[in-house]
Amino acid sequence: MKAIVPSESSRKFTETASRLYHDQLDDEALEYLMGPERLLTEETITAHRFGVVRSPEPGHEAVRNYLSIPYLTPDGECIALRFRRLGEGNGPKYRSLAGDPPRLYGTDALEWGTRNICLTEGEFDRAIAIQCGLPAVGLPGANTWEPVFRRLLVQFDAVFVLHDDDDAGRELVAKVAGHLDNVRPIPMTGGDVTSYFGSHGKEGLRAKLGA
């Protein structure tokens, strides 16, 4: 199994790849990220260093033309990459590199000094929460909760789980609540964080949490 803390050479390679893919952002990728599907601002895209794999680095050939999603440490270093298919096409919608363990996404929010934090399903939903001024970390998906994540979230007065309005989202809440006593489920009525933001705007999403 791949180590949770990558080797120095792996970190250097991943950091370089994340910056190269960010530099490869083009009109098609930006139209997707900023359009009605994702609703991200240019500032949010830059802060999260989202990119697109037009010219793959060695070992990344299978994710050519996928979006790249860097997992950045609080000091801005990329230690892992995930990939999201751009458009419909063939192949899995999301891909991780072989042997990469699930990680919490957006761990810089753990150091904001807030009493509460949000937990989202998916990296792009986390980006929307941050765009709305909400401290948030994300999971790679509803089925990727790991008990070890408790160590990072037990410090907060409340963990607002902004879960998708479906069975998988409700199952996620049950899993997280099995390891934390500070869970507050917030169903994203009718969809997920991004769709709720699209329908209700920044203030609507914040009001959903009482922020």
N, C-alpha and C. Protein backbone atom coordinates (compact mmCIF):
# COMPACT_ATOMS: atom_id res chain seq x y z
N MET A 1 0.85 -1.21 0.00
CA MET A 1 0.00 0.00 0.00
C MET A 1 0.87 1.24 0.00
N LYS A 2 0.46 2.24 -0.73
CA LYS A 2 1.22 3.49 -0.79
C LYS A 2 1.17 4.20 0.55
N ALA A 3 2.29 4.76 0.97
CA ALA A 3 2.36 5.44 2.26
C ALA A 3 1.47 6.67 2.27
N ILE A 4 0.89 6.95 3.45
CA ILE A 4 0.05 8.14 3.58
C ILE A 4 0.88 9.39 3.37
N VAL A 5 2.11 9.39 3.91
CA VAL A 5 3.03 10.50 3.68
C VAL A 5 3.93 10.11 2.51
N PRO A 6 3.78 10.77 1.36
CA PRO A 6 4.56 10.39 0.18
C PRO A 6 6.04 10.66 0.38
N SER A 7 6.86 9.96 -0.39
CA SER A 7 8.30 10.19 -0.35
C SER A 7 8.62 11.58 -0.92
N GLU A 8 9.82 12.04 -0.64
CA GLU A 8 10.22 13.36 -1.13
C GLU A 8 10.19 13.43 -2.65
N SER A 9 10.65 12.35 -3.32
CA SER A 9 10.66 12.35 -4.79
C SER A 9 9.24 12.34 -5.34
N SER A 10 8.35 11.59 -4.68
CA SER A 10 6.95 11.56 -5.13
C SER A 10 6.29 12.91 -4.94
N ARG A 11 6.57 13.57 -3.83
CA ARG A 11 6.00 14.89 -3.57
C ARG A 11 6.49 15.91 -4.60
N LYS A 12 7.77 15.83 -4.93
CA LYS A 12 8.33 16.77 -5.91
C LYS A 12 7.66 16.57 -7.27
N PHE A 13 7.49 15.30 -7.68
CA PHE A 13 6.86 15.00 -8.96
C PHE A 13 5.41 15.48 -8.98
N THR A 14 4.68 15.20 -7.91
CA THR A 14 3.26 15.58 -7.84
C THR A 14 3.09 17.09 -7.82
N GLU A 15 3.95 17.78 -7.09
CA GLU A 15 3.91 19.24 -7.04
C GLU A 15 4.14 19.83 -8.43
N THR A 16 5.15 19.32 -9.12
CA THR A 16 5.45 19.82 -10.46
C THR A 16 4.30 19.54 -11.42
N ALA A 17 3.74 18.32 -11.37
CA ALA A 17 2.64 17.96 -12.25
C ALA A 17 1.43 18.85 -12.01
N SER A 18 1.12 19.13 -10.75
CA SER A 18 -0.05 19.96 -10.45
C SER A 18 0.08 21.35 -11.05
N ARG A 19 1.28 21.90 -11.03
CA ARG A 19 1.49 23.24 -11.58
C ARG A 19 1.46 23.21 -13.11
N LEU A 20 2.02 22.18 -13.70
CA LEU A 20 1.97 22.05 -15.15
C LEU A 20 0.53 21.93 -15.64
N TYR A 21 -0.28 21.14 -14.96
CA TYR A 21 -1.67 20.94 -15.39
C TYR A 21 -2.49 22.21 -15.17
N HIS A 22 -2.18 22.96 -14.12
CA HIS A 22 -2.86 24.24 -13.93
C HIS A 22 -2.54 25.19 -15.08
N ASP A 23 -1.29 25.17 -15.51
CA ASP A 23 -0.88 26.02 -16.62
C ASP A 23 -1.51 25.58 -17.94
N GLN A 24 -1.98 24.34 -18.03
CA GLN A 24 -2.60 23.83 -19.25
C GLN A 24 -4.10 24.11 -19.33
N LEU A 25 -4.65 24.79 -18.35
CA LEU A 25 -6.07 25.15 -18.41
C LEU A 25 -6.36 25.90 -19.70
N ASP A 26 -7.41 25.49 -20.38
CA ASP A 26 -7.77 26.12 -21.65
C ASP A 26 -9.25 26.49 -21.62
N ASP A 27 -9.75 26.99 -22.73
CA ASP A 27 -11.13 27.48 -22.77
C ASP A 27 -12.14 26.39 -22.43
N GLU A 28 -11.91 25.17 -22.94
CA GLU A 28 -12.86 24.10 -22.67
C GLU A 28 -12.93 23.78 -21.18
N ALA A 29 -11.77 23.66 -20.54
CA ALA A 29 -11.74 23.34 -19.12
C ALA A 29 -12.34 24.47 -18.29
N LEU A 30 -12.00 25.71 -18.63
CA LEU A 30 -12.52 26.85 -17.88
C LEU A 30 -14.02 27.00 -18.07
N GLU A 31 -14.51 26.70 -19.26
CA GLU A 31 -15.95 26.78 -19.50
C GLU A 31 -16.69 25.79 -18.61
N TYR A 32 -16.12 24.59 -18.42
CA TYR A 32 -16.73 23.61 -17.54
C TYR A 32 -16.68 24.08 -16.08
N LEU A 33 -15.51 24.51 -15.64
CA LEU A 33 -15.33 24.87 -14.24
C LEU A 33 -16.13 26.11 -13.84
N MET A 34 -16.25 27.07 -14.76
CA MET A 34 -16.93 28.31 -14.45
C MET A 34 -18.38 28.32 -14.90
N GLY A 35 -18.78 27.32 -15.67
CA GLY A 35 -20.12 27.25 -16.20
C GLY A 35 -21.13 26.71 -15.20
N PRO A 36 -22.35 26.43 -15.66
CA PRO A 36 -23.44 26.03 -14.76
C PRO A 36 -23.22 24.71 -14.05
N GLU A 37 -22.30 23.89 -14.56
CA GLU A 37 -22.05 22.60 -13.91
C GLU A 37 -21.28 22.74 -12.61
N ARG A 38 -20.33 23.72 -12.56
CA ARG A 38 -19.46 23.85 -11.38
C ARG A 38 -19.54 25.22 -10.70
N LEU A 39 -19.81 26.29 -11.45
CA LEU A 39 -20.08 27.61 -10.88
C LEU A 39 -18.90 28.20 -10.09
N LEU A 40 -17.69 27.83 -10.47
CA LEU A 40 -16.51 28.31 -9.75
C LEU A 40 -16.02 29.63 -10.35
N THR A 41 -15.49 30.49 -9.50
CA THR A 41 -14.89 31.73 -9.97
C THR A 41 -13.44 31.48 -10.34
N GLU A 42 -12.88 32.42 -11.09
CA GLU A 42 -11.47 32.32 -11.46
C GLU A 42 -10.59 32.29 -10.22
N GLU A 43 -10.95 33.08 -9.21
CA GLU A 43 -10.19 33.11 -7.97
C GLU A 43 -10.20 31.75 -7.29
N THR A 44 -11.35 31.10 -7.26
CA THR A 44 -11.47 29.78 -6.63
C THR A 44 -10.66 28.74 -7.39
N ILE A 45 -10.72 28.80 -8.71
CA ILE A 45 -9.96 27.85 -9.54
C ILE A 45 -8.47 28.00 -9.29
N THR A 46 -8.01 29.24 -9.20
CA THR A 46 -6.59 29.48 -8.94
C THR A 46 -6.19 29.03 -7.55
N ALA A 47 -7.00 29.34 -6.55
CA ALA A 47 -6.68 28.99 -5.17
C ALA A 47 -6.59 27.48 -4.98
N HIS A 48 -7.44 26.73 -5.70
CA HIS A 48 -7.43 25.27 -5.59
C HIS A 48 -6.49 24.62 -6.60
N ARG A 49 -5.91 25.43 -7.46
CA ARG A 49 -4.96 24.97 -8.47
C ARG A 49 -5.54 23.87 -9.37
N PHE A 50 -6.83 23.98 -9.70
CA PHE A 50 -7.41 23.01 -10.63
C PHE A 50 -6.71 23.13 -11.98
N GLY A 51 -6.60 22.03 -12.69
CA GLY A 51 -5.93 22.04 -13.99
C GLY A 51 -6.58 21.07 -14.95
N VAL A 52 -5.93 20.87 -16.09
CA VAL A 52 -6.40 19.90 -17.07
C VAL A 52 -5.17 19.20 -17.67
N VAL A 53 -5.31 17.90 -17.90
CA VAL A 53 -4.18 17.08 -18.36
C VAL A 53 -4.21 17.02 -19.89
N ARG A 54 -3.63 17.98 -20.54
CA ARG A 54 -3.52 17.95 -22.00
C ARG A 54 -2.23 17.26 -22.43
N SER A 55 -1.17 17.48 -21.68
CA SER A 55 0.12 16.84 -21.96
C SER A 55 0.52 16.08 -20.70
N PRO A 56 0.20 14.79 -20.61
CA PRO A 56 0.39 14.05 -19.35
C PRO A 56 1.86 13.88 -18.97
N GLU A 57 2.11 13.94 -17.69
CA GLU A 57 3.40 13.57 -17.15
C GLU A 57 3.51 12.04 -17.17
N PRO A 58 4.73 11.49 -17.11
CA PRO A 58 4.89 10.03 -17.13
C PRO A 58 4.05 9.34 -16.06
N GLY A 59 3.28 8.32 -16.49
CA GLY A 59 2.41 7.60 -15.58
C GLY A 59 1.00 8.13 -15.53
N HIS A 60 0.77 9.28 -16.15
CA HIS A 60 -0.57 9.89 -16.14
C HIS A 60 -1.27 9.79 -17.50
N GLU A 61 -0.77 8.95 -18.37
CA GLU A 61 -1.33 8.87 -19.72
C GLU A 61 -2.80 8.48 -19.72
N ALA A 62 -3.22 7.68 -18.75
CA ALA A 62 -4.61 7.21 -18.69
C ALA A 62 -5.59 8.32 -18.37
N VAL A 63 -5.09 9.46 -17.85
CA VAL A 63 -5.99 10.55 -17.49
C VAL A 63 -5.81 11.75 -18.42
N ARG A 64 -5.30 11.51 -19.61
CA ARG A 64 -5.22 12.58 -20.60
C ARG A 64 -6.61 13.20 -20.81
N ASN A 65 -6.68 14.51 -20.82
CA ASN A 65 -7.90 15.29 -21.01
C ASN A 65 -8.84 15.26 -19.80
N TYR A 66 -8.40 14.69 -18.70
CA TYR A 66 -9.13 14.80 -17.43
C TYR A 66 -8.76 16.11 -16.75
N LEU A 67 -9.65 16.62 -15.90
CA LEU A 67 -9.31 17.71 -15.00
C LEU A 67 -8.42 17.17 -13.89
N SER A 68 -7.50 17.97 -13.40
CA SER A 68 -6.66 17.56 -12.28
C SER A 68 -7.11 18.30 -11.01
N ILE A 69 -7.13 17.56 -9.92
CA ILE A 69 -7.57 18.08 -8.62
C ILE A 69 -6.44 17.87 -7.62
N PRO A 70 -5.62 18.88 -7.36
CA PRO A 70 -4.51 18.72 -6.43
C PRO A 70 -4.99 18.70 -4.97
N TYR A 71 -4.39 17.83 -4.20
CA TYR A 71 -4.59 17.83 -2.75
C TYR A 71 -3.45 18.61 -2.14
N LEU A 72 -3.76 19.83 -1.68
CA LEU A 72 -2.74 20.75 -1.19
C LEU A 72 -2.68 20.73 0.33
N THR A 73 -1.47 20.76 0.86
CA THR A 73 -1.29 20.88 2.30
C THR A 73 -1.57 22.33 2.72
N PRO A 74 -1.68 22.60 4.03
CA PRO A 74 -1.90 23.97 4.47
C PRO A 74 -0.85 24.96 3.99
N ASP A 75 0.38 24.49 3.72
CA ASP A 75 1.41 25.41 3.21
C ASP A 75 1.45 25.43 1.68
N GLY A 76 0.47 24.79 1.02
CA GLY A 76 0.34 24.92 -0.43
C GLY A 76 1.05 23.90 -1.26
N GLU A 77 1.62 22.86 -0.64
CA GLU A 77 2.31 21.82 -1.39
C GLU A 77 1.32 20.75 -1.84
N CYS A 78 1.44 20.29 -3.07
CA CYS A 78 0.57 19.23 -3.58
C CYS A 78 1.17 17.88 -3.21
N ILE A 79 0.40 17.06 -2.47
CA ILE A 79 0.90 15.74 -2.07
C ILE A 79 0.14 14.60 -2.75
N ALA A 80 -0.92 14.92 -3.47
CA ALA A 80 -1.68 13.88 -4.18
C ALA A 80 -2.50 14.56 -5.28
N LEU A 81 -2.86 13.77 -6.27
CA LEU A 81 -3.70 14.25 -7.36
C LEU A 81 -4.87 13.30 -7.58
N ARG A 82 -6.03 13.87 -7.81
CA ARG A 82 -7.18 13.09 -8.31
C ARG A 82 -7.58 13.71 -9.64
N PHE A 83 -8.38 12.99 -10.39
CA PHE A 83 -8.73 13.43 -11.74
C PHE A 83 -10.21 13.23 -11.99
N ARG A 84 -10.80 14.18 -12.72
CA ARG A 84 -12.22 14.14 -13.05
C ARG A 84 -12.37 14.24 -14.56
N ARG A 85 -13.11 13.31 -15.13
CA ARG A 85 -13.32 13.31 -16.58
C ARG A 85 -13.95 14.64 -17.00
N LEU A 86 -13.44 15.21 -18.07
CA LEU A 86 -13.97 16.45 -18.62
C LEU A 86 -14.98 16.10 -19.69
N GLY A 87 -16.24 16.40 -19.44
CA GLY A 87 -17.29 16.02 -20.38
C GLY A 87 -17.75 14.60 -20.14
N GLU A 88 -18.51 14.07 -21.06
CA GLU A 88 -19.07 12.73 -20.88
C GLU A 88 -18.04 11.66 -21.21
N GLY A 89 -17.72 11.44 -22.45
CA GLY A 89 -16.63 10.55 -22.83
C GLY A 89 -16.71 9.16 -22.24
N ASN A 90 -15.59 8.43 -22.35
CA ASN A 90 -15.49 7.07 -21.83
C ASN A 90 -14.61 7.06 -20.59
N GLY A 91 -14.67 5.96 -19.86
CA GLY A 91 -13.83 5.81 -18.69
C GLY A 91 -14.52 6.29 -17.43
N PRO A 92 -13.92 5.98 -16.27
CA PRO A 92 -14.50 6.38 -14.98
C PRO A 92 -14.61 7.90 -14.89
N LYS A 93 -15.63 8.36 -14.16
CA LYS A 93 -15.81 9.81 -13.99
C LYS A 93 -14.67 10.39 -13.16
N TYR A 94 -14.31 9.70 -12.08
CA TYR A 94 -13.20 10.12 -11.22
C TYR A 94 -12.15 9.02 -11.18
N ARG A 95 -10.90 9.44 -11.09
CA ARG A 95 -9.81 8.47 -10.99
C ARG A 95 -8.78 8.96 -9.97
N SER A 96 -8.28 8.02 -9.19
CA SER A 96 -7.14 8.28 -8.31
C SER A 96 -5.97 7.46 -8.82
N LEU A 97 -4.77 7.84 -8.42
CA LEU A 97 -3.61 7.07 -8.82
C LEU A 97 -3.55 5.77 -8.02
N ALA A 98 -3.05 4.72 -8.64
CA ALA A 98 -3.02 3.40 -8.02
C ALA A 98 -2.32 3.44 -6.66
N GLY A 99 -2.99 2.86 -5.67
CA GLY A 99 -2.40 2.78 -4.34
C GLY A 99 -2.55 4.01 -3.48
N ASP A 100 -3.11 5.10 -4.03
CA ASP A 100 -3.26 6.32 -3.25
C ASP A 100 -4.42 6.15 -2.26
N PRO A 101 -4.19 6.35 -0.96
CA PRO A 101 -5.26 6.19 0.02
C PRO A 101 -6.21 7.39 0.01
N PRO A 102 -7.45 7.20 0.46
CA PRO A 102 -8.34 8.36 0.59
C PRO A 102 -7.77 9.37 1.58
N ARG A 103 -7.93 10.64 1.25
CA ARG A 103 -7.46 11.72 2.11
C ARG A 103 -8.55 12.76 2.27
N LEU A 104 -8.48 13.53 3.34
CA LEU A 104 -9.32 14.71 3.44
C LEU A 104 -8.79 15.77 2.50
N TYR A 105 -9.70 16.42 1.80
CA TYR A 105 -9.34 17.44 0.81
C TYR A 105 -9.51 18.82 1.43
N GLY A 106 -8.52 19.69 1.22
CA GLY A 106 -8.63 21.07 1.68
C GLY A 106 -8.30 21.23 3.15
N THR A 107 -7.24 20.56 3.60
CA THR A 107 -6.92 20.56 5.03
C THR A 107 -6.44 21.92 5.55
N ASP A 108 -6.22 22.87 4.67
CA ASP A 108 -5.88 24.22 5.15
C ASP A 108 -6.98 24.78 6.04
N ALA A 109 -8.23 24.36 5.79
CA ALA A 109 -9.35 24.87 6.59
C ALA A 109 -9.27 24.43 8.04
N LEU A 110 -8.53 23.36 8.31
CA LEU A 110 -8.37 22.90 9.70
C LEU A 110 -7.60 23.91 10.53
N GLU A 111 -6.88 24.81 9.88
CA GLU A 111 -6.04 25.78 10.58
C GLU A 111 -6.61 27.20 10.57
N TRP A 112 -7.88 27.31 10.19
CA TRP A 112 -8.49 28.64 10.15
C TRP A 112 -8.80 29.19 11.54
N GLY A 113 -8.83 28.33 12.54
CA GLY A 113 -9.15 28.77 13.90
C GLY A 113 -10.63 28.93 14.17
N THR A 114 -11.48 28.30 13.34
CA THR A 114 -12.93 28.37 13.54
C THR A 114 -13.38 27.30 14.52
N ARG A 115 -14.52 27.52 15.16
CA ARG A 115 -15.06 26.54 16.10
C ARG A 115 -15.80 25.42 15.38
N ASN A 116 -16.32 25.71 14.18
CA ASN A 116 -17.07 24.73 13.41
C ASN A 116 -16.42 24.54 12.04
N ILE A 117 -16.73 23.43 11.40
CA ILE A 117 -16.21 23.17 10.07
C ILE A 117 -17.25 22.38 9.28
N CYS A 118 -17.21 22.50 7.96
CA CYS A 118 -18.10 21.75 7.08
C CYS A 118 -17.35 20.57 6.46
N LEU A 119 -18.08 19.51 6.20
CA LEU A 119 -17.55 18.35 5.50
C LEU A 119 -18.43 18.10 4.29
N THR A 120 -17.84 18.07 3.09
CA THR A 120 -18.61 17.90 1.87
C THR A 120 -18.29 16.57 1.20
N GLU A 121 -19.19 16.15 0.33
CA GLU A 121 -18.95 15.00 -0.54
C GLU A 121 -18.34 15.53 -1.84
N GLY A 122 -17.06 15.35 -2.01
CA GLY A 122 -16.44 15.77 -3.26
C GLY A 122 -15.66 17.06 -3.15
N GLU A 123 -14.62 17.13 -3.98
CA GLU A 123 -13.71 18.26 -3.95
C GLU A 123 -14.35 19.54 -4.49
N PHE A 124 -15.14 19.43 -5.55
CA PHE A 124 -15.73 20.64 -6.13
C PHE A 124 -16.78 21.24 -5.20
N ASP A 125 -17.50 20.40 -4.46
CA ASP A 125 -18.44 20.93 -3.48
C ASP A 125 -17.69 21.66 -2.37
N ARG A 126 -16.52 21.15 -2.00
CA ARG A 126 -15.71 21.86 -1.01
C ARG A 126 -15.30 23.22 -1.55
N ALA A 127 -14.93 23.28 -2.81
CA ALA A 127 -14.53 24.56 -3.40
C ALA A 127 -15.67 25.57 -3.37
N ILE A 128 -16.89 25.10 -3.62
CA ILE A 128 -18.05 26.00 -3.56
C ILE A 128 -18.26 26.50 -2.14
N ALA A 129 -18.14 25.62 -1.15
CA ALA A 129 -18.30 26.05 0.24
C ALA A 129 -17.28 27.12 0.60
N ILE A 130 -16.03 26.92 0.19
CA ILE A 130 -14.99 27.92 0.44
C ILE A 130 -15.32 29.22 -0.28
N GLN A 131 -15.81 29.11 -1.49
CA GLN A 131 -16.19 30.29 -2.28
C GLN A 131 -17.27 31.10 -1.56
N CYS A 132 -18.05 30.41 -0.75
CA CYS A 132 -19.12 31.09 0.01
C CYS A 132 -18.66 31.51 1.40
N GLY A 133 -17.36 31.39 1.66
CA GLY A 133 -16.82 31.83 2.94
C GLY A 133 -17.00 30.86 4.08
N LEU A 134 -17.29 29.59 3.77
CA LEU A 134 -17.50 28.58 4.80
C LEU A 134 -16.23 27.74 4.96
N PRO A 135 -15.74 27.55 6.18
CA PRO A 135 -14.60 26.65 6.37
C PRO A 135 -15.04 25.23 6.04
N ALA A 136 -14.29 24.54 5.21
CA ALA A 136 -14.75 23.22 4.76
C ALA A 136 -13.58 22.34 4.35
N VAL A 137 -13.75 21.06 4.61
CA VAL A 137 -12.90 20.02 4.04
C VAL A 137 -13.82 19.09 3.25
N GLY A 138 -13.22 18.30 2.36
CA GLY A 138 -14.03 17.43 1.52
C GLY A 138 -13.53 16.01 1.53
N LEU A 139 -14.43 15.09 1.24
CA LEU A 139 -14.08 13.69 1.00
C LEU A 139 -14.04 13.46 -0.50
N PRO A 140 -13.27 12.47 -0.96
CA PRO A 140 -13.29 12.15 -2.40
C PRO A 140 -14.64 11.61 -2.87
N GLY A 141 -15.49 11.18 -1.95
CA GLY A 141 -16.81 10.67 -2.30
C GLY A 141 -17.52 10.16 -1.06
N ALA A 142 -18.77 9.81 -1.20
CA ALA A 142 -19.59 9.42 -0.04
C ALA A 142 -19.09 8.15 0.63
N ASN A 143 -18.36 7.30 -0.11
CA ASN A 143 -17.93 6.01 0.43
C ASN A 143 -16.47 6.01 0.87
N THR A 144 -15.89 7.18 1.07
CA THR A 144 -14.45 7.24 1.36
C THR A 144 -14.13 7.71 2.77
N TRP A 145 -15.13 7.75 3.65
CA TRP A 145 -14.85 8.13 5.04
C TRP A 145 -13.95 7.08 5.68
N GLU A 146 -12.91 7.54 6.40
CA GLU A 146 -12.01 6.66 7.12
C GLU A 146 -12.03 7.05 8.60
N PRO A 147 -12.07 6.08 9.51
CA PRO A 147 -12.11 6.40 10.95
C PRO A 147 -10.98 7.33 11.40
N VAL A 148 -9.82 7.25 10.74
CA VAL A 148 -8.68 8.08 11.14
C VAL A 148 -8.98 9.56 10.97
N PHE A 149 -9.94 9.91 10.10
CA PHE A 149 -10.27 11.32 9.89
C PHE A 149 -10.84 11.95 11.18
N ARG A 150 -11.32 11.11 12.07
CA ARG A 150 -11.85 11.61 13.34
C ARG A 150 -10.82 12.48 14.07
N ARG A 151 -9.56 12.08 13.98
CA ARG A 151 -8.51 12.80 14.71
C ARG A 151 -8.41 14.26 14.27
N LEU A 152 -8.77 14.53 13.03
CA LEU A 152 -8.68 15.89 12.49
C LEU A 152 -9.92 16.71 12.79
N LEU A 153 -11.05 16.05 13.04
CA LEU A 153 -12.33 16.76 13.16
C LEU A 153 -12.90 16.80 14.57
N VAL A 154 -12.34 16.01 15.47
CA VAL A 154 -12.88 15.96 16.83
C VAL A 154 -12.67 17.27 17.58
N GLN A 155 -11.72 18.09 17.12
CA GLN A 155 -11.39 19.36 17.78
C GLN A 155 -12.50 20.41 17.66
N PHE A 156 -13.42 20.23 16.71
CA PHE A 156 -14.42 21.26 16.43
C PHE A 156 -15.68 21.07 17.28
N ASP A 157 -16.33 22.19 17.58
CA ASP A 157 -17.60 22.12 18.30
C ASP A 157 -18.66 21.40 17.47
N ALA A 158 -18.64 21.65 16.16
CA ALA A 158 -19.63 21.01 15.28
C ALA A 158 -19.00 20.75 13.92
N VAL A 159 -19.32 19.60 13.35
CA VAL A 159 -18.95 19.26 11.97
C VAL A 159 -20.25 19.21 11.17
N PHE A 160 -20.46 20.21 10.33
CA PHE A 160 -21.66 20.27 9.50
C PHE A 160 -21.42 19.39 8.26
N VAL A 161 -22.10 18.27 8.18
CA VAL A 161 -21.95 17.38 7.03
C VAL A 161 -22.93 17.83 5.96
N LEU A 162 -22.41 18.50 4.93
CA LEU A 162 -23.25 19.00 3.84
C LEU A 162 -23.43 17.86 2.83
N HIS A 163 -24.38 16.98 3.15
CA HIS A 163 -24.48 15.74 2.39
C HIS A 163 -25.48 15.83 1.25
N ASP A 164 -25.20 15.04 0.21
CA ASP A 164 -26.12 14.96 -0.92
C ASP A 164 -27.48 14.46 -0.45
N ASP A 165 -28.51 14.90 -1.12
CA ASP A 165 -29.88 14.53 -0.75
C ASP A 165 -30.24 13.18 -1.37
N ASP A 166 -29.54 12.12 -0.94
CA ASP A 166 -29.79 10.78 -1.45
C ASP A 166 -29.39 9.75 -0.39
N ASP A 167 -29.61 8.49 -0.69
CA ASP A 167 -29.31 7.44 0.28
C ASP A 167 -27.83 7.40 0.63
N ALA A 168 -26.96 7.56 -0.38
CA ALA A 168 -25.52 7.53 -0.12
C ALA A 168 -25.11 8.66 0.83
N GLY A 169 -25.72 9.82 0.66
CA GLY A 169 -25.42 10.94 1.54
C GLY A 169 -25.86 10.68 2.97
N ARG A 170 -27.05 10.08 3.13
CA ARG A 170 -27.52 9.78 4.48
C ARG A 170 -26.68 8.66 5.12
N GLU A 171 -26.22 7.73 4.32
CA GLU A 171 -25.33 6.68 4.84
C GLU A 171 -24.00 7.27 5.29
N LEU A 172 -23.52 8.28 4.55
CA LEU A 172 -22.29 8.96 4.95
C LEU A 172 -22.46 9.59 6.33
N VAL A 173 -23.56 10.28 6.55
CA VAL A 173 -23.81 10.90 7.85
C VAL A 173 -23.74 9.86 8.96
N ALA A 174 -24.35 8.71 8.72
CA ALA A 174 -24.35 7.65 9.74
C ALA A 174 -22.93 7.17 10.02
N LYS A 175 -22.11 7.05 8.99
CA LYS A 175 -20.72 6.61 9.17
C LYS A 175 -19.94 7.63 10.00
N VAL A 176 -20.06 8.90 9.63
CA VAL A 176 -19.31 9.94 10.34
C VAL A 176 -19.78 10.03 11.79
N ALA A 177 -21.09 9.96 11.99
CA ALA A 177 -21.65 10.05 13.35
C ALA A 177 -21.24 8.86 14.20
N GLY A 178 -20.85 7.76 13.57
CA GLY A 178 -20.36 6.62 14.31
C GLY A 178 -18.99 6.83 14.92
N HIS A 179 -18.30 7.90 14.48
CA HIS A 179 -16.95 8.17 14.99
C HIS A 179 -16.83 9.55 15.64
N LEU A 180 -17.85 10.39 15.47
CA LEU A 180 -17.79 11.74 16.02
C LEU A 180 -19.11 12.06 16.73
N ASP A 181 -19.01 12.76 17.85
CA ASP A 181 -20.21 13.17 18.58
C ASP A 181 -20.67 14.58 18.21
N ASN A 182 -19.90 15.24 17.36
CA ASN A 182 -20.19 16.65 17.06
C ASN A 182 -20.77 16.84 15.66
N VAL A 183 -21.41 15.82 15.11
CA VAL A 183 -21.92 15.87 13.74
C VAL A 183 -23.28 16.56 13.69
N ARG A 184 -23.41 17.46 12.70
CA ARG A 184 -24.71 18.08 12.42
C ARG A 184 -25.01 17.89 10.94
N PRO A 185 -25.92 16.99 10.60
CA PRO A 185 -26.24 16.75 9.18
C PRO A 185 -27.01 17.91 8.57
N ILE A 186 -26.57 18.35 7.39
CA ILE A 186 -27.24 19.42 6.66
C ILE A 186 -27.53 18.89 5.25
N PRO A 187 -28.73 18.36 5.00
CA PRO A 187 -29.02 17.84 3.66
C PRO A 187 -29.11 18.95 2.64
N MET A 188 -28.47 18.74 1.50
CA MET A 188 -28.54 19.71 0.41
C MET A 188 -29.80 19.42 -0.41
N THR A 189 -30.89 19.97 0.03
CA THR A 189 -32.21 19.66 -0.50
C THR A 189 -32.23 19.70 -2.03
N GLY A 190 -32.59 18.55 -2.61
CA GLY A 190 -32.73 18.47 -4.05
C GLY A 190 -31.46 18.15 -4.81
N GLY A 191 -30.32 17.99 -4.12
CA GLY A 191 -29.09 17.70 -4.87
C GLY A 191 -27.86 17.69 -3.99
N ASP A 192 -26.86 18.52 -4.36
CA ASP A 192 -25.61 18.59 -3.61
C ASP A 192 -25.28 20.06 -3.33
N VAL A 193 -24.11 20.30 -2.79
CA VAL A 193 -23.72 21.67 -2.43
C VAL A 193 -23.75 22.59 -3.64
N THR A 194 -23.21 22.10 -4.76
CA THR A 194 -23.13 22.95 -5.95
C THR A 194 -24.51 23.27 -6.50
N SER A 195 -25.38 22.30 -6.58
CA SER A 195 -26.72 22.56 -7.11
C SER A 195 -27.51 23.46 -6.15
N TYR A 196 -27.32 23.28 -4.85
CA TYR A 196 -28.01 24.14 -3.89
C TYR A 196 -27.52 25.58 -4.02
N PHE A 197 -26.22 25.74 -4.17
CA PHE A 197 -25.66 27.07 -4.39
C PHE A 197 -26.19 27.67 -5.69
N GLY A 198 -26.31 26.85 -6.74
CA GLY A 198 -26.83 27.35 -8.00
C GLY A 198 -28.26 27.85 -7.89
N SER A 199 -29.04 27.22 -7.04
CA SER A 199 -30.45 27.59 -6.89
C SER A 199 -30.67 28.71 -5.88
N HIS A 200 -29.83 28.77 -4.84
CA HIS A 200 -30.09 29.68 -3.72
C HIS A 200 -29.00 30.73 -3.50
N GLY A 201 -27.87 30.59 -4.20
CA GLY A 201 -26.80 31.57 -4.06
C GLY A 201 -26.01 31.44 -2.78
N LYS A 202 -25.02 32.31 -2.65
CA LYS A 202 -24.13 32.29 -1.50
C LYS A 202 -24.89 32.47 -0.20
N GLU A 203 -25.73 33.46 -0.14
CA GLU A 203 -26.44 33.74 1.12
C GLU A 203 -27.42 32.62 1.45
N GLY A 204 -28.00 31.99 0.42
CA GLY A 204 -28.90 30.87 0.67
C GLY A 204 -28.18 29.69 1.28
N LEU A 205 -26.98 29.39 0.75
CA LEU A 205 -26.21 28.28 1.31
C LEU A 205 -25.76 28.58 2.73
N ARG A 206 -25.32 29.79 2.96
CA ARG A 206 -24.89 30.16 4.31
C ARG A 206 -26.06 30.11 5.28
N ALA A 207 -27.23 30.56 4.83
CA ALA A 207 -28.41 30.54 5.70
C ALA A 207 -28.83 29.12 6.05
N LYS A 208 -28.59 28.19 5.14
CA LYS A 208 -28.91 26.79 5.38
C LYS A 208 -28.18 26.28 6.62
N LEU A 209 -26.99 26.84 6.88
CA LEU A 209 -26.18 26.45 8.04
C LEU A 209 -26.37 27.39 9.22
N GLY A 210 -27.15 28.45 9.01
CA GLY A 210 -27.30 29.44 10.05
C GLY A 210 -26.11 30.36 10.18
N ALA A 211 -25.33 30.47 9.06
CA ALA A 211 -24.13 31.30 9.09
C ALA A 211 -24.45 32.75 8.75
